[in-house]
Amino acid sequence: MQNADLTFDFCEVEVKELLNKNLPDSELLDFYNRIANREIFINFDIEDILVDWSKQIIDWNKQDKGKPIEERKPIKIFINTDGGSISAMWNFINVIQLSKTPCISIAMGKIYSAGSMIFLAAPTRLLFKNTTIMIHKGSSGVISDISCIINYSKYLEKETEMRKDYIFSNTNITPKKYKEIEDKDWYITASEAVEWNIATKIITDIDEII
């Protein structure tokens, strides 16, 4: 019993000493660890914070400038999201597609709407076997005067065509298939995603993503 008490006292002292060292916040440590490993983790609604991650992809390309593509450390983009901002989505897609350093997108629990579009931007696209994808032509909750709504509606028509062309260019989804699903939310399983070339393959070994 005495030995047990001594062990407990020793551990308590150790913990107090560690607390007094003012260690960095665990979230900050995780952030820097992801930067070192070239990992982006999107576990939030798509919004303007992705502009910061766009800049990070540009910085990684700057670090790799002059280095052969095959020698560059890939950028891994983990995605789990309900979707979000159209403008933030397109900006992030543009940067991924322009990146000379290879990008790999990894779908986790769900990638809906804008998340599914971002997923398509990388040449290598992996997903877990129970991941769900949802593709649709987007939605808007604009509240404004009539003229502004009309103008925005015209923009959305153009954006819808952009989205269709983008989907056709990066998947095996045909215009006929798209016409079948364009007026609804199309939920896609992992195996269907591979069939339509939305995803490259289903992850079967954890070593594929670490």
C-alpha atoms as a PDB file:
ATOM      1  CA  MET A   1       0.000   0.000   0.000  1.00  0.00           C
ATOM      2  CA  GLN A   2       2.851   2.346   0.852  1.00  0.00           C
ATOM      3  CA  ASN A   3       4.493   1.776  -2.540  1.00  0.00           C
ATOM      4  CA  ALA A   4       1.214   2.506  -4.277  1.00  0.00           C
ATOM      5  CA  ASP A   5       0.901   5.832  -2.415  1.00  0.00           C
ATOM      6  CA  LEU A   6       4.475   6.781  -3.334  1.00  0.00           C
ATOM      7  CA  THR A   7       3.794   6.026  -6.995  1.00  0.00           C
ATOM      8  CA  PHE A   8       0.663   8.152  -6.927  1.00  0.00           C
ATOM      9  CA  ASP A   9       2.486  11.089  -5.300  1.00  0.00           C
ATOM     10  CA  PHE A  10       5.274  10.878  -7.886  1.00  0.00           C
ATOM     11  CA  CYS A  11       2.819  10.917 -10.807  1.00  0.00           C
ATOM     12  CA  GLU A  12       0.948  13.878  -9.321  1.00  0.00           C
ATOM     13  CA  VAL A  13       4.185  15.863  -9.045  1.00  0.00           C
ATOM     14  CA  GLU A  14       5.066  14.997 -12.657  1.00  0.00           C
ATOM     15  CA  VAL A  15       1.669  16.235 -13.888  1.00  0.00           C
ATOM     16  CA  LYS A  16       2.022  19.505 -11.940  1.00  0.00           C
ATOM     17  CA  GLU A  17       5.468  20.081 -13.414  1.00  0.00           C
ATOM     18  CA  LEU A  18       4.167  19.506 -16.923  1.00  0.00           C
ATOM     19  CA  LEU A  19       1.270  21.916 -16.366  1.00  0.00           C
ATOM     20  CA  ASN A  20       3.729  24.567 -15.181  1.00  0.00           C
ATOM     21  CA  LYS A  21       5.752  24.314 -18.391  1.00  0.00           C
ATOM     22  CA  ASN A  22       3.043  26.191 -20.370  1.00  0.00           C
ATOM     23  CA  LEU A  23       2.957  23.601 -23.162  1.00  0.00           C
ATOM     24  CA  PRO A  24       1.419  24.706 -26.502  1.00  0.00           C
ATOM     25  CA  ASP A  25      -2.289  24.173 -27.040  1.00  0.00           C
ATOM     26  CA  SER A  26      -3.034  20.670 -28.374  1.00  0.00           C
ATOM     27  CA  GLU A  27      -4.997  22.102 -31.319  1.00  0.00           C
ATOM     28  CA  LEU A  28      -2.030  24.281 -32.250  1.00  0.00           C
ATOM     29  CA  LEU A  29       0.290  21.278 -32.086  1.00  0.00           C
ATOM     30  CA  ASP A  30      -2.114  19.332 -34.293  1.00  0.00           C
ATOM     31  CA  PHE A  31      -2.197  22.224 -36.782  1.00  0.00           C
ATOM     32  CA  TYR A  32       1.595  22.368 -37.101  1.00  0.00           C
ATOM     33  CA  ASN A  33       1.752  18.591 -37.360  1.00  0.00           C
ATOM     34  CA  ARG A  34      -0.656  18.722 -40.310  1.00  0.00           C
ATOM     35  CA  ILE A  35       1.388  21.453 -41.955  1.00  0.00           C
ATOM     36  CA  ALA A  36       4.535  19.325 -41.604  1.00  0.00           C
ATOM     37  CA  ASN A  37       2.724  16.338 -43.106  1.00  0.00           C
ATOM     38  CA  ARG A  38       1.062  18.443 -45.829  1.00  0.00           C
ATOM     39  CA  GLU A  39      -2.422  17.532 -44.696  1.00  0.00           C
ATOM     40  CA  ILE A  40      -5.566  19.640 -44.983  1.00  0.00           C
ATOM     41  CA  PHE A  41      -8.533  18.499 -42.902  1.00  0.00           C
ATOM     42  CA  ILE A  42     -11.901  19.915 -44.012  1.00  0.00           C
ATOM     43  CA  ASN A  43     -14.345  18.982 -41.260  1.00  0.00           C
ATOM     44  CA  PHE A  44     -16.559  22.052 -41.525  1.00  0.00           C
ATOM     45  CA  ASP A  45     -18.945  23.798 -43.906  1.00  0.00           C
ATOM     46  CA  ILE A  46     -17.193  25.146 -46.997  1.00  0.00           C
ATOM     47  CA  GLU A  47     -16.516  28.834 -46.359  1.00  0.00           C
ATOM     48  CA  ASP A  48     -13.912  31.562 -46.870  1.00  0.00           C
ATOM     49  CA  ILE A  49     -11.416  29.923 -44.492  1.00  0.00           C
ATOM     50  CA  LEU A  50     -10.539  27.728 -47.486  1.00  0.00           C
ATOM     51  CA  VAL A  51      -8.812  30.768 -48.977  1.00  0.00           C
ATOM     52  CA  ASP A  52      -6.193  30.341 -46.246  1.00  0.00           C
ATOM     53  CA  TRP A  53      -5.725  26.706 -47.236  1.00  0.00           C
ATOM     54  CA  SER A  54      -5.486  27.757 -50.886  1.00  0.00           C
ATOM     55  CA  LYS A  55      -2.591  29.978 -49.872  1.00  0.00           C
ATOM     56  CA  GLN A  56      -1.009  27.033 -48.058  1.00  0.00           C
ATOM     57  CA  ILE A  57      -1.143  24.905 -51.237  1.00  0.00           C
ATOM     58  CA  ILE A  58       0.520  27.775 -53.104  1.00  0.00           C
ATOM     59  CA  ASP A  59       3.225  27.969 -50.414  1.00  0.00           C
ATOM     60  CA  TRP A  60       3.900  24.223 -50.648  1.00  0.00           C
ATOM     61  CA  ASN A  61       4.291  24.619 -54.410  1.00  0.00           C
ATOM     62  CA  LYS A  62       6.698  27.488 -53.784  1.00  0.00           C
ATOM     63  CA  GLN A  63       8.765  25.230 -51.504  1.00  0.00           C
ATOM     64  CA  ASP A  64       8.832  22.575 -54.230  1.00  0.00           C
ATOM     65  CA  LYS A  65       9.663  24.926 -57.103  1.00  0.00           C
ATOM     66  CA  GLY A  66      12.309  23.381 -59.362  1.00  0.00           C
ATOM     67  CA  LYS A  67      11.907  19.934 -57.808  1.00  0.00           C
ATOM     68  CA  PRO A  68      10.768  17.064 -60.100  1.00  0.00           C
ATOM     69  CA  ILE A  69       7.082  16.209 -59.628  1.00  0.00           C
ATOM     70  CA  GLU A  70       7.845  12.637 -58.582  1.00  0.00           C
ATOM     71  CA  GLU A  71      10.090  13.894 -55.767  1.00  0.00           C
ATOM     72  CA  ARG A  72       7.499  16.218 -54.249  1.00  0.00           C
ATOM     73  CA  LYS A  73       5.664  15.245 -51.059  1.00  0.00           C
ATOM     74  CA  PRO A  74       1.941  14.982 -51.964  1.00  0.00           C
ATOM     75  CA  ILE A  75      -0.703  17.204 -50.406  1.00  0.00           C
ATOM     76  CA  LYS A  76      -3.488  15.187 -48.764  1.00  0.00           C
ATOM     77  CA  ILE A  77      -6.924  16.783 -48.493  1.00  0.00           C
ATOM     78  CA  PHE A  78      -9.243  14.984 -46.058  1.00  0.00           C
ATOM     79  CA  ILE A  79     -12.896  15.953 -46.550  1.00  0.00           C
ATOM     80  CA  ASN A  80     -16.041  15.536 -44.446  1.00  0.00           C
ATOM     81  CA  THR A  81     -18.606  18.257 -45.077  1.00  0.00           C
ATOM     82  CA  ASP A  82     -22.232  19.127 -45.806  1.00  0.00           C
ATOM     83  CA  GLY A  83     -21.125  21.677 -48.446  1.00  0.00           C
ATOM     84  CA  GLY A  84     -21.284  25.457 -48.403  1.00  0.00           C
ATOM     85  CA  SER A  85     -20.064  28.521 -50.281  1.00  0.00           C
ATOM     86  CA  ILE A  86     -19.896  28.346 -54.091  1.00  0.00           C
ATOM     87  CA  SER A  87     -17.187  31.018 -54.404  1.00  0.00           C
ATOM     88  CA  ALA A  88     -14.960  29.395 -51.765  1.00  0.00           C
ATOM     89  CA  MET A  89     -15.493  26.042 -53.483  1.00  0.00           C
ATOM     90  CA  TRP A  90     -14.415  27.261 -56.924  1.00  0.00           C
ATOM     91  CA  ASN A  91     -11.368  29.081 -55.580  1.00  0.00           C
ATOM     92  CA  PHE A  92     -10.144  25.961 -53.789  1.00  0.00           C
ATOM     93  CA  ILE A  93     -10.830  23.814 -56.872  1.00  0.00           C
ATOM     94  CA  ASN A  94      -8.839  26.213 -59.060  1.00  0.00           C
ATOM     95  CA  VAL A  95      -5.808  26.083 -56.757  1.00  0.00           C
ATOM     96  CA  ILE A  96      -5.890  22.276 -56.461  1.00  0.00           C
ATOM     97  CA  GLN A  97      -6.046  21.916 -60.238  1.00  0.00           C
ATOM     98  CA  LEU A  98      -3.179  24.376 -60.755  1.00  0.00           C
ATOM     99  CA  SER A  99      -0.983  22.727 -58.118  1.00  0.00           C
ATOM    100  CA  LYS A 100       2.114  21.089 -59.623  1.00  0.00           C
ATOM    101  CA  THR A 101       2.718  19.310 -56.340  1.00  0.00           C
ATOM    102  CA  PRO A 102       0.406  16.261 -56.461  1.00  0.00           C
ATOM    103  CA  CYS A 103      -2.851  16.528 -54.525  1.00  0.00           C
ATOM    104  CA  ILE A 104      -4.786  13.566 -53.150  1.00  0.00           C
ATOM    105  CA  SER A 105      -8.374  13.987 -51.952  1.00  0.00           C
ATOM    106  CA  ILE A 106      -9.633  11.598 -49.285  1.00  0.00           C
ATOM    107  CA  ALA A 107     -13.379  11.394 -48.602  1.00  0.00           C
ATOM    108  CA  MET A 108     -14.375  10.436 -45.097  1.00  0.00           C
ATOM    109  CA  GLY A 109     -17.919  10.130 -43.670  1.00  0.00           C
ATOM    110  CA  LYS A 110     -19.761  12.346 -46.133  1.00  0.00           C
ATOM    111  CA  ILE A 111     -18.945  14.746 -48.929  1.00  0.00           C
ATOM    112  CA  TYR A 112     -22.036  16.650 -49.984  1.00  0.00           C
ATOM    113  CA  SER A 113     -22.651  19.411 -52.519  1.00  0.00           C
ATOM    114  CA  ALA A 114     -19.582  21.720 -52.639  1.00  0.00           C
ATOM    115  CA  GLY A 115     -17.584  19.047 -50.809  1.00  0.00           C
ATOM    116  CA  SER A 116     -18.132  16.566 -53.641  1.00  0.00           C
ATOM    117  CA  MET A 117     -16.985  19.158 -56.183  1.00  0.00           C
ATOM    118  CA  ILE A 118     -13.775  19.809 -54.225  1.00  0.00           C
ATOM    119  CA  PHE A 119     -13.194  16.055 -54.004  1.00  0.00           C
ATOM    120  CA  LEU A 120     -13.206  15.863 -57.827  1.00  0.00           C
ATOM    121  CA  ALA A 121     -10.436  18.450 -58.197  1.00  0.00           C
ATOM    122  CA  ALA A 122      -7.560  16.131 -57.263  1.00  0.00           C
ATOM    123  CA  PRO A 123      -6.268  13.598 -59.817  1.00  0.00           C
ATOM    124  CA  THR A 124      -6.148  10.874 -57.131  1.00  0.00           C
ATOM    125  CA  ARG A 125      -9.408  10.468 -55.192  1.00  0.00           C
ATOM    126  CA  LEU A 126      -9.751   7.938 -52.369  1.00  0.00           C
ATOM    127  CA  LEU A 127     -12.681   7.173 -50.086  1.00  0.00           C
ATOM    128  CA  PHE A 128     -13.676   4.821 -47.298  1.00  0.00           C
ATOM    129  CA  LYS A 129     -16.100   2.007 -48.124  1.00  0.00           C
ATOM    130  CA  ASN A 130     -19.054   3.560 -46.249  1.00  0.00           C
ATOM    131  CA  THR A 131     -18.505   7.150 -47.350  1.00  0.00           C
ATOM    132  CA  THR A 132     -21.540   8.869 -48.906  1.00  0.00           C
ATOM    133  CA  ILE A 133     -21.325  11.400 -51.729  1.00  0.00           C
ATOM    134  CA  MET A 134     -24.091  13.795 -52.702  1.00  0.00           C
ATOM    135  CA  ILE A 135     -24.122  15.714 -55.975  1.00  0.00           C
ATOM    136  CA  HIS A 136     -26.694  18.321 -56.965  1.00  0.00           C
ATOM    137  CA  LYS A 137     -26.799  21.543 -58.922  1.00  0.00           C
ATOM    138  CA  GLY A 138     -26.644  23.712 -55.816  1.00  0.00           C
ATOM    139  CA  SER A 139     -29.074  25.884 -53.933  1.00  0.00           C
ATOM    140  CA  SER A 140     -29.455  29.479 -52.866  1.00  0.00           C
ATOM    141  CA  GLY A 141     -31.057  31.259 -49.939  1.00  0.00           C
ATOM    142  CA  VAL A 142     -30.664  34.805 -51.238  1.00  0.00           C
ATOM    143  CA  ILE A 143     -32.932  37.408 -49.675  1.00  0.00           C
ATOM    144  CA  SER A 144     -32.841  40.763 -51.455  1.00  0.00           C
ATOM    145  CA  ASP A 145     -34.822  43.055 -53.746  1.00  0.00           C
ATOM    146  CA  ILE A 146     -36.258  41.684 -56.994  1.00  0.00           C
ATOM    147  CA  SER A 147     -33.564  43.079 -59.316  1.00  0.00           C
ATOM    148  CA  CYS A 148     -30.745  41.592 -57.224  1.00  0.00           C
ATOM    149  CA  ILE A 149     -32.486  38.217 -57.086  1.00  0.00           C
ATOM    150  CA  ILE A 150     -32.942  38.258 -60.874  1.00  0.00           C
ATOM    151  CA  ASN A 151     -29.266  39.111 -61.433  1.00  0.00           C
ATOM    152  CA  TYR A 152     -28.132  36.415 -59.023  1.00  0.00           C
ATOM    153  CA  SER A 153     -30.446  33.936 -60.698  1.00  0.00           C
ATOM    154  CA  LYS A 154     -28.716  34.634 -64.022  1.00  0.00           C
ATOM    155  CA  TYR A 155     -25.356  34.008 -62.394  1.00  0.00           C
ATOM    156  CA  LEU A 156     -26.589  30.717 -60.935  1.00  0.00           C
ATOM    157  CA  GLU A 157     -27.620  29.585 -64.414  1.00  0.00           C
ATOM    158  CA  LYS A 158     -24.045  30.190 -65.619  1.00  0.00           C
ATOM    159  CA  GLU A 159     -22.612  28.511 -62.525  1.00  0.00           C
ATOM    160  CA  THR A 160     -24.816  25.473 -63.118  1.00  0.00           C
ATOM    161  CA  GLU A 161     -23.369  25.096 -66.616  1.00  0.00           C
ATOM    162  CA  MET A 162     -19.835  25.460 -65.223  1.00  0.00           C
ATOM    163  CA  ARG A 163     -20.573  22.762 -62.668  1.00  0.00           C
ATOM    164  CA  LYS A 164     -21.966  20.406 -65.319  1.00  0.00           C
ATOM    165  CA  ASP A 165     -18.912  20.841 -67.566  1.00  0.00           C
ATOM    166  CA  TYR A 166     -16.647  20.296 -64.571  1.00  0.00           C
ATOM    167  CA  ILE A 167     -18.443  17.080 -63.605  1.00  0.00           C
ATOM    168  CA  PHE A 168     -18.353  15.744 -67.174  1.00  0.00           C
ATOM    169  CA  SER A 169     -14.625  16.519 -67.452  1.00  0.00           C
ATOM    170  CA  ASN A 170     -13.672  14.762 -64.205  1.00  0.00           C
ATOM    171  CA  THR A 171     -15.990  11.738 -64.066  1.00  0.00           C
ATOM    172  CA  ASN A 172     -17.727   9.187 -66.270  1.00  0.00           C
ATOM    173  CA  ILE A 173     -21.095  10.787 -65.556  1.00  0.00           C
ATOM    174  CA  THR A 174     -22.841  11.306 -68.890  1.00  0.00           C
ATOM    175  CA  PRO A 175     -25.141  14.189 -69.857  1.00  0.00           C
ATOM    176  CA  LYS A 176     -27.989  11.627 -69.959  1.00  0.00           C
ATOM    177  CA  LYS A 177     -27.296  10.501 -66.387  1.00  0.00           C
ATOM    178  CA  TYR A 178     -26.919  14.076 -65.183  1.00  0.00           C
ATOM    179  CA  LYS A 179     -30.273  14.995 -66.687  1.00  0.00           C
ATOM    180  CA  GLU A 180     -31.845  12.187 -64.640  1.00  0.00           C
ATOM    181  CA  ILE A 181     -30.521  13.533 -61.353  1.00  0.00           C
ATOM    182  CA  GLU A 182     -30.051  17.288 -61.846  1.00  0.00           C
ATOM    183  CA  ASP A 183     -33.306  18.295 -60.152  1.00  0.00           C
ATOM    184  CA  LYS A 184     -32.695  16.259 -57.004  1.00  0.00           C
ATOM    185  CA  ASP A 185     -30.000  15.363 -54.489  1.00  0.00           C
ATOM    186  CA  TRP A 186     -28.144  12.331 -55.879  1.00  0.00           C
ATOM    187  CA  TYR A 187     -26.687  10.197 -53.073  1.00  0.00           C
ATOM    188  CA  ILE A 188     -23.867   7.901 -54.192  1.00  0.00           C
ATOM    189  CA  THR A 189     -22.237   4.959 -52.407  1.00  0.00           C
ATOM    190  CA  ALA A 190     -18.494   4.333 -52.477  1.00  0.00           C
ATOM    191  CA  SER A 191     -18.778   1.492 -55.000  1.00  0.00           C
ATOM    192  CA  GLU A 192     -20.984   3.623 -57.268  1.00  0.00           C
ATOM    193  CA  ALA A 193     -18.471   6.454 -56.965  1.00  0.00           C
ATOM    194  CA  VAL A 194     -15.721   4.201 -58.345  1.00  0.00           C
ATOM    195  CA  GLU A 195     -18.065   2.979 -61.106  1.00  0.00           C
ATOM    196  CA  TRP A 196     -18.730   6.565 -62.225  1.00  0.00           C
ATOM    197  CA  ASN A 197     -15.046   7.537 -61.801  1.00  0.00           C
ATOM    198  CA  ILE A 198     -15.992  10.034 -59.128  1.00  0.00           C
ATOM    199  CA  ALA A 199     -13.436   8.241 -56.951  1.00  0.00           C
ATOM    200  CA  THR A 200     -10.234   6.478 -57.968  1.00  0.00           C
ATOM    201  CA  LYS A 201     -10.592   3.653 -55.477  1.00  0.00           C
ATOM    202  CA  ILE A 202     -11.949   2.550 -52.120  1.00  0.00           C
ATOM    203  CA  ILE A 203      -9.389   2.557 -49.299  1.00  0.00           C
ATOM    204  CA  THR A 204      -8.629  -1.004 -48.186  1.00  0.00           C
ATOM    205  CA  ASP A 205      -5.406  -0.408 -46.243  1.00  0.00           C
ATOM    206  CA  ILE A 206      -4.671   2.459 -43.858  1.00  0.00           C
ATOM    207  CA  ASP A 207      -1.165   2.673 -45.332  1.00  0.00           C
ATOM    208  CA  GLU A 208      -2.730   4.132 -48.491  1.00  0.00           C
ATOM    209  CA  ILE A 209      -3.411   7.416 -46.688  1.00  0.00           C
ATOM    210  CA  ILE A 210      -0.559   7.779 -44.186  1.00  0.00           C
END
